[in-house]
Amino acid sequence: MTEKIQSLLLENTVVLFMKGTPHQPYCGFSQTAVTILNALNIPFQGVNILEDETLRADIKKFADWPTFPMLFLNKELVGGCDIMVQMYQNGDLKSLFEKHEII
């Protein structure tokens, strides 16, 4: 794991590795992830993986996850966009954030 990944995950409770930024997502999947987090009023750190090819490759290896976005909570991978959508729709994502006292 790179120092940058380690630092990001240690310094931020909720991290979204994504294409673009929370204010300007570069793909529909990242936009959906941001929309879900905003709907739940979750404070999060967005990380634009398009700005750093090394980070992009390293986070895929670290998470053992092939696609973006990737949502991390307390240094643990929650999942990508499809998992976030499913968890949001069935209430599990809100429950997860409540369990960790994020909301």
PDB file of N, CA and C in Angstrom:
ATOM      1  N   MET A   1       0.847  -1.177   0.000  1.00  0.00           N
ATOM      2  CA  MET A   1       0.000   0.000   0.000  1.00  0.00           C
ATOM      3  C   MET A   1       0.890   1.237   0.000  1.00  0.00           C
ATOM      4  N   THR A   2       0.572   2.165  -0.848  1.00  0.00           N
ATOM      5  CA  THR A   2       1.379   3.374  -0.902  1.00  0.00           C
ATOM      6  C   THR A   2       1.127   4.232   0.324  1.00  0.00           C
ATOM      7  N   GLU A   3       2.085   5.096   0.609  1.00  0.00           N
ATOM      8  CA  GLU A   3       1.930   6.010   1.737  1.00  0.00           C
ATOM      9  C   GLU A   3       0.728   6.916   1.537  1.00  0.00           C
ATOM     10  N   LYS A   4       0.469   7.284   0.293  1.00  0.00           N
ATOM     11  CA  LYS A   4      -0.656   8.170   0.014  1.00  0.00           C
ATOM     12  C   LYS A   4      -1.983   7.498   0.356  1.00  0.00           C
ATOM     13  N   ILE A   5      -2.145   6.247  -0.021  1.00  0.00           N
ATOM     14  CA  ILE A   5      -3.378   5.523   0.307  1.00  0.00           C
ATOM     15  C   ILE A   5      -3.511   5.390   1.813  1.00  0.00           C
ATOM     16  N   GLN A   6      -2.451   4.988   2.448  1.00  0.00           N
ATOM     17  CA  GLN A   6      -2.460   4.814   3.895  1.00  0.00           C
ATOM     18  C   GLN A   6      -2.839   6.120   4.585  1.00  0.00           C
ATOM     19  N   SER A   7      -2.256   7.203   4.151  1.00  0.00           N
ATOM     20  CA  SER A   7      -2.539   8.503   4.734  1.00  0.00           C
ATOM     21  C   SER A   7      -3.994   8.911   4.528  1.00  0.00           C
ATOM     22  N   LEU A   8      -4.508   8.730   3.313  1.00  0.00           N
ATOM     23  CA  LEU A   8      -5.892   9.087   3.014  1.00  0.00           C
ATOM     24  C   LEU A   8      -6.869   8.291   3.875  1.00  0.00           C
ATOM     25  N   LEU A   9      -6.621   7.009   4.034  1.00  0.00           N
ATOM     26  CA  LEU A   9      -7.532   6.160   4.797  1.00  0.00           C
ATOM     27  C   LEU A   9      -7.425   6.396   6.297  1.00  0.00           C
ATOM     28  N   LEU A  10      -6.250   6.787   6.763  1.00  0.00           N
ATOM     29  CA  LEU A  10      -6.082   7.079   8.191  1.00  0.00           C
ATOM     30  C   LEU A  10      -6.671   8.432   8.568  1.00  0.00           C
ATOM     31  N   GLU A  11      -6.567   9.394   7.670  1.00  0.00           N
ATOM     32  CA  GLU A  11      -6.990  10.767   7.965  1.00  0.00           C
ATOM     33  C   GLU A  11      -8.474  11.006   7.721  1.00  0.00           C
ATOM     34  N   ASN A  12      -9.138  10.125   6.998  1.00  0.00           N
ATOM     35  CA  ASN A  12     -10.538  10.327   6.631  1.00  0.00           C
ATOM     36  C   ASN A  12     -11.350   9.077   6.931  1.00  0.00           C
ATOM     37  N   THR A  13     -12.452   9.247   7.609  1.00  0.00           N
ATOM     38  CA  THR A  13     -13.306   8.121   7.957  1.00  0.00           C
ATOM     39  C   THR A  13     -13.973   7.532   6.723  1.00  0.00           C
ATOM     40  N   VAL A  14     -14.421   8.408   5.815  1.00  0.00           N
ATOM     41  CA  VAL A  14     -15.109   7.970   4.602  1.00  0.00           C
ATOM     42  C   VAL A  14     -14.349   8.520   3.402  1.00  0.00           C
ATOM     43  N   VAL A  15     -13.900   7.622   2.533  1.00  0.00           N
ATOM     44  CA  VAL A  15     -13.141   8.014   1.342  1.00  0.00           C
ATOM     45  C   VAL A  15     -13.791   7.380   0.121  1.00  0.00           C
ATOM     46  N   LEU A  16     -13.971   8.211  -0.906  1.00  0.00           N
ATOM     47  CA  LEU A  16     -14.493   7.732  -2.176  1.00  0.00           C
ATOM     48  C   LEU A  16     -13.426   7.942  -3.238  1.00  0.00           C
ATOM     49  N   PHE A  17     -12.818   6.840  -3.688  1.00  0.00           N
ATOM     50  CA  PHE A  17     -11.877   6.901  -4.806  1.00  0.00           C
ATOM     51  C   PHE A  17     -12.729   6.897  -6.061  1.00  0.00           C
ATOM     52  N   MET A  18     -12.602   7.946  -6.853  1.00  0.00           N
ATOM     53  CA  MET A  18     -13.551   8.162  -7.935  1.00  0.00           C
ATOM     54  C   MET A  18     -12.889   8.807  -9.144  1.00  0.00           C
ATOM     55  N   LYS A  19     -13.627   8.828 -10.236  1.00  0.00           N
ATOM     56  CA  LYS A  19     -13.191   9.543 -11.429  1.00  0.00           C
ATOM     57  C   LYS A  19     -13.771  10.945 -11.350  1.00  0.00           C
ATOM     58  N   GLY A  20     -12.890  11.919 -11.199  1.00  0.00           N
ATOM     59  CA  GLY A  20     -13.321  13.296 -11.025  1.00  0.00           C
ATOM     60  C   GLY A  20     -13.343  13.669  -9.558  1.00  0.00           C
ATOM     61  N   THR A  21     -14.091  14.714  -9.260  1.00  0.00           N
ATOM     62  CA  THR A  21     -14.193  15.222  -7.893  1.00  0.00           C
ATOM     63  C   THR A  21     -15.656  15.199  -7.461  1.00  0.00           C
ATOM     64  N   PRO A  22     -15.915  15.340  -6.164  1.00  0.00           N
ATOM     65  CA  PRO A  22     -17.313  15.376  -5.728  1.00  0.00           C
ATOM     66  C   PRO A  22     -18.117  16.494  -6.406  1.00  0.00           C
ATOM     67  N   HIS A  23     -17.463  17.588  -6.724  1.00  0.00           N
ATOM     68  CA  HIS A  23     -18.159  18.702  -7.373  1.00  0.00           C
ATOM     69  C   HIS A  23     -18.230  18.543  -8.882  1.00  0.00           C
ATOM     70  N   GLN A  24     -17.369  17.676  -9.438  1.00  0.00           N
ATOM     71  CA  GLN A  24     -17.370  17.456 -10.886  1.00  0.00           C
ATOM     72  C   GLN A  24     -16.969  16.010 -11.200  1.00  0.00           C
ATOM     73  N   PRO A  25     -17.891  15.073 -10.959  1.00  0.00           N
ATOM     74  CA  PRO A  25     -17.615  13.676 -11.308  1.00  0.00           C
ATOM     75  C   PRO A  25     -17.461  13.530 -12.823  1.00  0.00           C
ATOM     76  N   TYR A  26     -16.547  12.637 -13.233  1.00  0.00           N
ATOM     77  CA  TYR A  26     -16.268  12.447 -14.655  1.00  0.00           C
ATOM     78  C   TYR A  26     -16.980  11.246 -15.258  1.00  0.00           C
ATOM     79  N   CYS A  27     -17.752  10.511 -14.463  1.00  0.00           N
ATOM     80  CA  CYS A  27     -18.510   9.394 -15.019  1.00  0.00           C
ATOM     81  C   CYS A  27     -19.801   9.237 -14.235  1.00  0.00           C
ATOM     82  N   GLY A  28     -20.740   8.561 -14.836  1.00  0.00           N
ATOM     83  CA  GLY A  28     -22.040   8.373 -14.205  1.00  0.00           C
ATOM     84  C   GLY A  28     -21.991   7.572 -12.919  1.00  0.00           C
ATOM     85  N   PHE A  29     -21.092   6.602 -12.844  1.00  0.00           N
ATOM     86  CA  PHE A  29     -20.976   5.788 -11.633  1.00  0.00           C
ATOM     87  C   PHE A  29     -20.476   6.631 -10.461  1.00  0.00           C
ATOM     88  N   SER A  30     -19.476   7.466 -10.728  1.00  0.00           N
ATOM     89  CA  SER A  30     -18.977   8.355  -9.677  1.00  0.00           C
ATOM     90  C   SER A  30     -20.053   9.359  -9.277  1.00  0.00           C
ATOM     91  N   GLN A  31     -20.793   9.864 -10.260  1.00  0.00           N
ATOM     92  CA  GLN A  31     -21.889  10.792  -9.963  1.00  0.00           C
ATOM     93  C   GLN A  31     -22.936  10.136  -9.070  1.00  0.00           C
ATOM     94  N   THR A  32     -23.278   8.900  -9.364  1.00  0.00           N
ATOM     95  CA  THR A  32     -24.256   8.174  -8.555  1.00  0.00           C
ATOM     96  C   THR A  32     -23.756   7.991  -7.127  1.00  0.00           C
ATOM     97  N   ALA A  33     -22.493   7.625  -6.971  1.00  0.00           N
ATOM     98  CA  ALA A  33     -21.918   7.430  -5.635  1.00  0.00           C
ATOM     99  C   ALA A  33     -21.955   8.730  -4.835  1.00  0.00           C
ATOM    100  N   VAL A  34     -21.581   9.828  -5.468  1.00  0.00           N
ATOM    101  CA  VAL A  34     -21.600  11.136  -4.803  1.00  0.00           C
ATOM    102  C   VAL A  34     -23.037  11.504  -4.420  1.00  0.00           C
ATOM    103  N   THR A  35     -23.968  11.272  -5.314  1.00  0.00           N
ATOM    104  CA  THR A  35     -25.373  11.590  -5.052  1.00  0.00           C
ATOM    105  C   THR A  35     -25.891  10.818  -3.843  1.00  0.00           C
ATOM    106  N   ILE A  36     -25.535   9.546  -3.747  1.00  0.00           N
ATOM    107  CA  ILE A  36     -25.964   8.725  -2.605  1.00  0.00           C
ATOM    108  C   ILE A  36     -25.375   9.262  -1.309  1.00  0.00           C
ATOM    109  N   LEU A  37     -24.078   9.532  -1.293  1.00  0.00           N
ATOM    110  CA  LEU A  37     -23.444  10.037  -0.076  1.00  0.00           C
ATOM    111  C   LEU A  37     -24.035  11.386   0.322  1.00  0.00           C
ATOM    112  N   ASN A  38     -24.276  12.248  -0.648  1.00  0.00           N
ATOM    113  CA  ASN A  38     -24.879  13.551  -0.356  1.00  0.00           C
ATOM    114  C   ASN A  38     -26.308  13.400   0.158  1.00  0.00           C
ATOM    115  N   ALA A  39     -27.070  12.451  -0.397  1.00  0.00           N
ATOM    116  CA  ALA A  39     -28.446  12.220   0.046  1.00  0.00           C
ATOM    117  C   ALA A  39     -28.489  11.784   1.514  1.00  0.00           C
ATOM    118  N   LEU A  40     -27.453  11.074   1.939  1.00  0.00           N
ATOM    119  CA  LEU A  40     -27.368  10.618   3.332  1.00  0.00           C
ATOM    120  C   LEU A  40     -26.643  11.628   4.229  1.00  0.00           C
ATOM    121  N   ASN A  41     -26.209  12.747   3.639  1.00  0.00           N
ATOM    122  CA  ASN A  41     -25.446  13.779   4.368  1.00  0.00           C
ATOM    123  C   ASN A  41     -24.176  13.213   5.006  1.00  0.00           C
ATOM    124  N   ILE A  42     -23.465  12.406   4.229  1.00  0.00           N
ATOM    125  CA  ILE A  42     -22.233  11.781   4.703  1.00  0.00           C
ATOM    126  C   ILE A  42     -21.054  12.668   4.330  1.00  0.00           C
ATOM    127  N   PRO A  43     -20.288  13.136   5.306  1.00  0.00           N
ATOM    128  CA  PRO A  43     -19.054  13.856   4.969  1.00  0.00           C
ATOM    129  C   PRO A  43     -18.026  12.845   4.455  1.00  0.00           C
ATOM    130  N   PHE A  44     -17.424  13.150   3.322  1.00  0.00           N
ATOM    131  CA  PHE A  44     -16.464  12.217   2.749  1.00  0.00           C
ATOM    132  C   PHE A  44     -15.360  12.955   2.011  1.00  0.00           C
ATOM    133  N   GLN A  45     -14.252  12.247   1.854  1.00  0.00           N
ATOM    134  CA  GLN A  45     -13.119  12.753   1.082  1.00  0.00           C
ATOM    135  C   GLN A  45     -13.165  12.101  -0.287  1.00  0.00           C
ATOM    136  N   GLY A  46     -13.336  12.888  -1.317  1.00  0.00           N
ATOM    137  CA  GLY A  46     -13.274  12.380  -2.674  1.00  0.00           C
ATOM    138  C   GLY A  46     -11.843  12.433  -3.181  1.00  0.00           C
ATOM    139  N   VAL A  47     -11.412  11.375  -3.840  1.00  0.00           N
ATOM    140  CA  VAL A  47     -10.057  11.299  -4.381  1.00  0.00           C
ATOM    141  C   VAL A  47     -10.150  11.008  -5.873  1.00  0.00           C
ATOM    142  N   ASN A  48      -9.650  11.937  -6.674  1.00  0.00           N
ATOM    143  CA  ASN A  48      -9.688  11.795  -8.127  1.00  0.00           C
ATOM    144  C   ASN A  48      -8.552  10.889  -8.577  1.00  0.00           C
ATOM    145  N   ILE A  49      -8.889   9.665  -8.935  1.00  0.00           N
ATOM    146  CA  ILE A  49      -7.870   8.691  -9.327  1.00  0.00           C
ATOM    147  C   ILE A  49      -7.309   8.971 -10.719  1.00  0.00           C
ATOM    148  N   LEU A  50      -7.942   9.854 -11.459  1.00  0.00           N
ATOM    149  CA  LEU A  50      -7.451  10.185 -12.795  1.00  0.00           C
ATOM    150  C   LEU A  50      -6.226  11.104 -12.750  1.00  0.00           C
ATOM    151  N   GLU A  51      -5.971  11.708 -11.610  1.00  0.00           N
ATOM    152  CA  GLU A  51      -4.832  12.616 -11.467  1.00  0.00           C
ATOM    153  C   GLU A  51      -3.523  11.902 -11.138  1.00  0.00           C
ATOM    154  N   ASP A  52      -3.587  10.630 -10.757  1.00  0.00           N
ATOM    155  CA  ASP A  52      -2.386   9.933 -10.301  1.00  0.00           C
ATOM    156  C   ASP A  52      -2.473   8.458 -10.720  1.00  0.00           C
ATOM    157  N   GLU A  53      -1.769   8.108 -11.791  1.00  0.00           N
ATOM    158  CA  GLU A  53      -1.811   6.743 -12.329  1.00  0.00           C
ATOM    159  C   GLU A  53      -1.298   5.708 -11.323  1.00  0.00           C
ATOM    160  N   THR A  54      -0.295   6.069 -10.532  1.00  0.00           N
ATOM    161  CA  THR A  54       0.236   5.148  -9.528  1.00  0.00           C
ATOM    162  C   THR A  54      -0.817   4.869  -8.461  1.00  0.00           C
ATOM    163  N   LEU A  55      -1.460   5.907  -7.987  1.00  0.00           N
ATOM    164  CA  LEU A  55      -2.527   5.745  -6.998  1.00  0.00           C
ATOM    165  C   LEU A  55      -3.644   4.883  -7.571  1.00  0.00           C
ATOM    166  N   ARG A  56      -3.999   5.138  -8.794  1.00  0.00           N
ATOM    167  CA  ARG A  56      -5.068   4.385  -9.457  1.00  0.00           C
ATOM    168  C   ARG A  56      -4.752   2.890  -9.477  1.00  0.00           C
ATOM    169  N   ALA A  57      -3.531   2.541  -9.840  1.00  0.00           N
ATOM    170  CA  ALA A  57      -3.121   1.134  -9.888  1.00  0.00           C
ATOM    171  C   ALA A  57      -2.994   0.538  -8.483  1.00  0.00           C
ATOM    172  N   ASP A  58      -2.416   1.310  -7.571  1.00  0.00           N
ATOM    173  CA  ASP A  58      -2.186   0.804  -6.214  1.00  0.00           C
ATOM    174  C   ASP A  58      -3.477   0.559  -5.452  1.00  0.00           C
ATOM    175  N   ILE A  59      -4.458   1.434  -5.617  1.00  0.00           N
ATOM    176  CA  ILE A  59      -5.710   1.245  -4.880  1.00  0.00           C
ATOM    177  C   ILE A  59      -6.458   0.028  -5.405  1.00  0.00           C
ATOM    178  N   LYS A  60      -6.344  -0.254  -6.697  1.00  0.00           N
ATOM    179  CA  LYS A  60      -6.969  -1.472  -7.239  1.00  0.00           C
ATOM    180  C   LYS A  60      -6.354  -2.716  -6.602  1.00  0.00           C
ATOM    181  N   LYS A  61      -5.030  -2.713  -6.461  1.00  0.00           N
ATOM    182  CA  LYS A  61      -4.350  -3.856  -5.834  1.00  0.00           C
ATOM    183  C   LYS A  61      -4.700  -3.945  -4.358  1.00  0.00           C
ATOM    184  N   PHE A  62      -4.658  -2.816  -3.673  1.00  0.00           N
ATOM    185  CA  PHE A  62      -4.937  -2.776  -2.242  1.00  0.00           C
ATOM    186  C   PHE A  62      -6.342  -3.298  -1.944  1.00  0.00           C
ATOM    187  N   ALA A  63      -7.315  -2.817  -2.703  1.00  0.00           N
ATOM    188  CA  ALA A  63      -8.714  -3.178  -2.452  1.00  0.00           C
ATOM    189  C   ALA A  63      -9.105  -4.501  -3.092  1.00  0.00           C
ATOM    190  N   ASP A  64      -8.288  -4.971  -4.025  1.00  0.00           N
ATOM    191  CA  ASP A  64      -8.634  -6.150  -4.817  1.00  0.00           C
ATOM    192  C   ASP A  64     -10.011  -5.938  -5.458  1.00  0.00           C
ATOM    193  N   TRP A  65     -10.158  -4.742  -6.039  1.00  0.00           N
ATOM    194  CA  TRP A  65     -11.415  -4.330  -6.665  1.00  0.00           C
ATOM    195  C   TRP A  65     -11.065  -3.683  -7.996  1.00  0.00           C
ATOM    196  N   PRO A  66     -11.685  -4.089  -9.094  1.00  0.00           N
ATOM    197  CA  PRO A  66     -11.237  -3.647 -10.417  1.00  0.00           C
ATOM    198  C   PRO A  66     -11.802  -2.329 -10.936  1.00  0.00           C
ATOM    199  N   THR A  67     -12.870  -1.827 -10.318  1.00  0.00           N
ATOM    200  CA  THR A  67     -13.550  -0.677 -10.909  1.00  0.00           C
ATOM    201  C   THR A  67     -13.670   0.492  -9.938  1.00  0.00           C
ATOM    202  N   PHE A  68     -13.998   1.631 -10.505  1.00  0.00           N
ATOM    203  CA  PHE A  68     -14.225   2.846  -9.726  1.00  0.00           C
ATOM    204  C   PHE A  68     -15.647   3.317  -9.966  1.00  0.00           C
ATOM    205  N   PRO A  69     -16.219   3.932  -8.941  1.00  0.00           N
ATOM    206  CA  PRO A  69     -15.661   4.365  -7.668  1.00  0.00           C
ATOM    207  C   PRO A  69     -15.537   3.216  -6.672  1.00  0.00           C
ATOM    208  N   MET A  70     -14.764   3.508  -5.613  1.00  0.00           N
ATOM    209  CA  MET A  70     -14.601   2.589  -4.487  1.00  0.00           C
ATOM    210  C   MET A  70     -14.870   3.381  -3.222  1.00  0.00           C
ATOM    211  N   LEU A  71     -15.770   2.884  -2.409  1.00  0.00           N
ATOM    212  CA  LEU A  71     -16.100   3.542  -1.150  1.00  0.00           C
ATOM    213  C   LEU A  71     -15.438   2.803   0.004  1.00  0.00           C
ATOM    214  N   PHE A  72     -14.709   3.558   0.824  1.00  0.00           N
ATOM    215  CA  PHE A  72     -14.079   3.013   2.023  1.00  0.00           C
ATOM    216  C   PHE A  72     -14.684   3.671   3.260  1.00  0.00           C
ATOM    217  N   LEU A  73     -14.909   2.872   4.277  1.00  0.00           N
ATOM    218  CA  LEU A  73     -15.374   3.350   5.569  1.00  0.00           C
ATOM    219  C   LEU A  73     -14.461   2.758   6.627  1.00  0.00           C
ATOM    220  N   ASN A  74     -13.839   3.615   7.412  1.00  0.00           N
ATOM    221  CA  ASN A  74     -12.892   3.162   8.442  1.00  0.00           C
ATOM    222  C   ASN A  74     -11.858   2.194   7.883  1.00  0.00           C
ATOM    223  N   LYS A  75     -11.264   2.572   6.765  1.00  0.00           N
ATOM    224  CA  LYS A  75     -10.177   1.836   6.104  1.00  0.00           C
ATOM    225  C   LYS A  75     -10.609   0.519   5.467  1.00  0.00           C
ATOM    226  N   GLU A  76     -11.917   0.233   5.460  1.00  0.00           N
ATOM    227  CA  GLU A  76     -12.424  -1.005   4.883  1.00  0.00           C
ATOM    228  C   GLU A  76     -13.230  -0.692   3.625  1.00  0.00           C
ATOM    229  N   LEU A  77     -13.048  -1.496   2.598  1.00  0.00           N
ATOM    230  CA  LEU A  77     -13.808  -1.334   1.368  1.00  0.00           C
ATOM    231  C   LEU A  77     -15.265  -1.714   1.604  1.00  0.00           C
ATOM    232  N   VAL A  78     -16.163  -0.788   1.263  1.00  0.00           N
ATOM    233  CA  VAL A  78     -17.598  -1.072   1.301  1.00  0.00           C
ATOM    234  C   VAL A  78     -18.006  -1.674  -0.035  1.00  0.00           C
ATOM    235  N   GLY A  79     -17.541  -1.048  -1.120  1.00  0.00           N
ATOM    236  CA  GLY A  79     -17.837  -1.558  -2.455  1.00  0.00           C
ATOM    237  C   GLY A  79     -17.861  -0.451  -3.481  1.00  0.00           C
ATOM    238  N   GLY A  80     -18.323  -0.818  -4.660  1.00  0.00           N
ATOM    239  CA  GLY A  80     -18.420   0.119  -5.761  1.00  0.00           C
ATOM    240  C   GLY A  80     -19.828   0.652  -5.910  1.00  0.00           C
ATOM    241  N   CYS A  81     -20.080   1.251  -7.033  1.00  0.00           N
ATOM    242  CA  CYS A  81     -21.359   1.918  -7.286  1.00  0.00           C
ATOM    243  C   CYS A  81     -22.548   0.967  -7.172  1.00  0.00           C
ATOM    244  N   ASP A  82     -22.487  -0.196  -7.801  1.00  0.00           N
ATOM    245  CA  ASP A  82     -23.618  -1.125  -7.770  1.00  0.00           C
ATOM    246  C   ASP A  82     -23.958  -1.549  -6.343  1.00  0.00           C
ATOM    247  N   ILE A  83     -22.933  -1.821  -5.559  1.00  0.00           N
ATOM    248  CA  ILE A  83     -23.151  -2.225  -4.169  1.00  0.00           C
ATOM    249  C   ILE A  83     -23.719  -1.056  -3.378  1.00  0.00           C
ATOM    250  N   MET A  84     -23.202   0.149  -3.623  1.00  0.00           N
ATOM    251  CA  MET A  84     -23.727   1.328  -2.937  1.00  0.00           C
ATOM    252  C   MET A  84     -25.202   1.541  -3.252  1.00  0.00           C
ATOM    253  N   VAL A  85     -25.570   1.407  -4.523  1.00  0.00           N
ATOM    254  CA  VAL A  85     -26.971   1.589  -4.928  1.00  0.00           C
ATOM    255  C   VAL A  85     -27.854   0.570  -4.223  1.00  0.00           C
ATOM    256  N   GLN A  86     -27.448  -0.694  -4.252  1.00  0.00           N
ATOM    257  CA  GLN A  86     -28.241  -1.746  -3.613  1.00  0.00           C
ATOM    258  C   GLN A  86     -28.376  -1.490  -2.113  1.00  0.00           C
ATOM    259  N   MET A  87     -27.255  -1.148  -1.452  1.00  0.00           N
ATOM    260  CA  MET A  87     -27.280  -0.908  -0.013  1.00  0.00           C
ATOM    261  C   MET A  87     -28.103   0.334   0.334  1.00  0.00           C
ATOM    262  N   TYR A  88     -28.050   1.333  -0.528  1.00  0.00           N
ATOM    263  CA  TYR A  88     -28.836   2.547  -0.305  1.00  0.00           C
ATOM    264  C   TYR A  88     -30.330   2.241  -0.422  1.00  0.00           C
ATOM    265  N   GLN A  89     -30.678   1.490  -1.456  1.00  0.00           N
ATOM    266  CA  GLN A  89     -32.086   1.192  -1.698  1.00  0.00           C
ATOM    267  C   GLN A  89     -32.712   0.319  -0.608  1.00  0.00           C
ATOM    268  N   ASN A  90     -31.927  -0.592  -0.050  1.00  0.00           N
ATOM    269  CA  ASN A  90     -32.508  -1.463   0.981  1.00  0.00           C
ATOM    270  C   ASN A  90     -32.253  -0.961   2.412  1.00  0.00           C
ATOM    271  N   GLY A  91     -31.599   0.192   2.541  1.00  0.00           N
ATOM    272  CA  GLY A  91     -31.388   0.799   3.849  1.00  0.00           C
ATOM    273  C   GLY A  91     -30.117   0.361   4.559  1.00  0.00           C
ATOM    274  N   ASP A  92     -29.396  -0.594   3.986  1.00  0.00           N
ATOM    275  CA  ASP A  92     -28.188  -1.099   4.641  1.00  0.00           C
ATOM    276  C   ASP A  92     -27.067  -0.064   4.716  1.00  0.00           C
ATOM    277  N   LEU A  93     -26.976   0.805   3.714  1.00  0.00           N
ATOM    278  CA  LEU A  93     -25.899   1.802   3.721  1.00  0.00           C
ATOM    279  C   LEU A  93     -26.130   2.805   4.848  1.00  0.00           C
ATOM    280  N   LYS A  94     -27.348   3.261   4.998  1.00  0.00           N
ATOM    281  CA  LYS A  94     -27.665   4.180   6.097  1.00  0.00           C
ATOM    282  C   LYS A  94     -27.379   3.504   7.430  1.00  0.00           C
ATOM    283  N   SER A  95     -27.790   2.259   7.565  1.00  0.00           N
ATOM    284  CA  SER A  95     -27.545   1.509   8.806  1.00  0.00           C
ATOM    285  C   SER A  95     -26.057   1.368   9.092  1.00  0.00           C
ATOM    286  N   LEU A  96     -25.274   1.126   8.049  1.00  0.00           N
ATOM    287  CA  LEU A  96     -23.823   0.992   8.212  1.00  0.00           C
ATOM    288  C   LEU A  96     -23.218   2.292   8.734  1.00  0.00           C
ATOM    289  N   PHE A  97     -23.616   3.412   8.149  1.00  0.00           N
ATOM    290  CA  PHE A  97     -23.104   4.699   8.608  1.00  0.00           C
ATOM    291  C   PHE A  97     -23.593   5.032  10.018  1.00  0.00           C
ATOM    292  N   GLU A  98     -24.809   4.630  10.338  1.00  0.00           N
ATOM    293  CA  GLU A  98     -25.314   4.842  11.705  1.00  0.00           C
ATOM    294  C   GLU A  98     -24.531   3.996  12.706  1.00  0.00           C
ATOM    295  N   LYS A  99     -24.237   2.767  12.336  1.00  0.00           N
ATOM    296  CA  LYS A  99     -23.475   1.849  13.208  1.00  0.00           C
ATOM    297  C   LYS A  99     -22.104   2.433  13.531  1.00  0.00           C
ATOM    298  N   HIS A 100     -21.515   3.088  12.549  1.00  0.00           N
ATOM    299  CA  HIS A 100     -20.188   3.692  12.747  1.00  0.00           C
ATOM    300  C   HIS A 100     -20.273   5.148  13.210  1.00  0.00           C
ATOM    301  N   GLU A 101     -21.481   5.567  13.570  1.00  0.00           N
ATOM    302  CA  GLU A 101     -21.733   6.904  14.116  1.00  0.00           C
ATOM    303  C   GLU A 101     -21.301   8.027  13.184  1.00  0.00           C
ATOM    304  N   ILE A 102     -21.491   7.792  11.881  1.00  0.00           N
ATOM    305  CA  ILE A 102     -21.221   8.835  10.889  1.00  0.00           C
ATOM    306  C   ILE A 102     -22.464   9.711  10.759  1.00  0.00           C
ATOM    307  N   ILE A 103     -23.638   9.086  10.878  1.00  0.00           N
ATOM    308  CA  ILE A 103     -24.909   9.822  10.881  1.00  0.00           C
ATOM    309  C   ILE A 103     -25.722   9.354  12.061  1.00  0.00           C
TER     310      ILE A 103
END
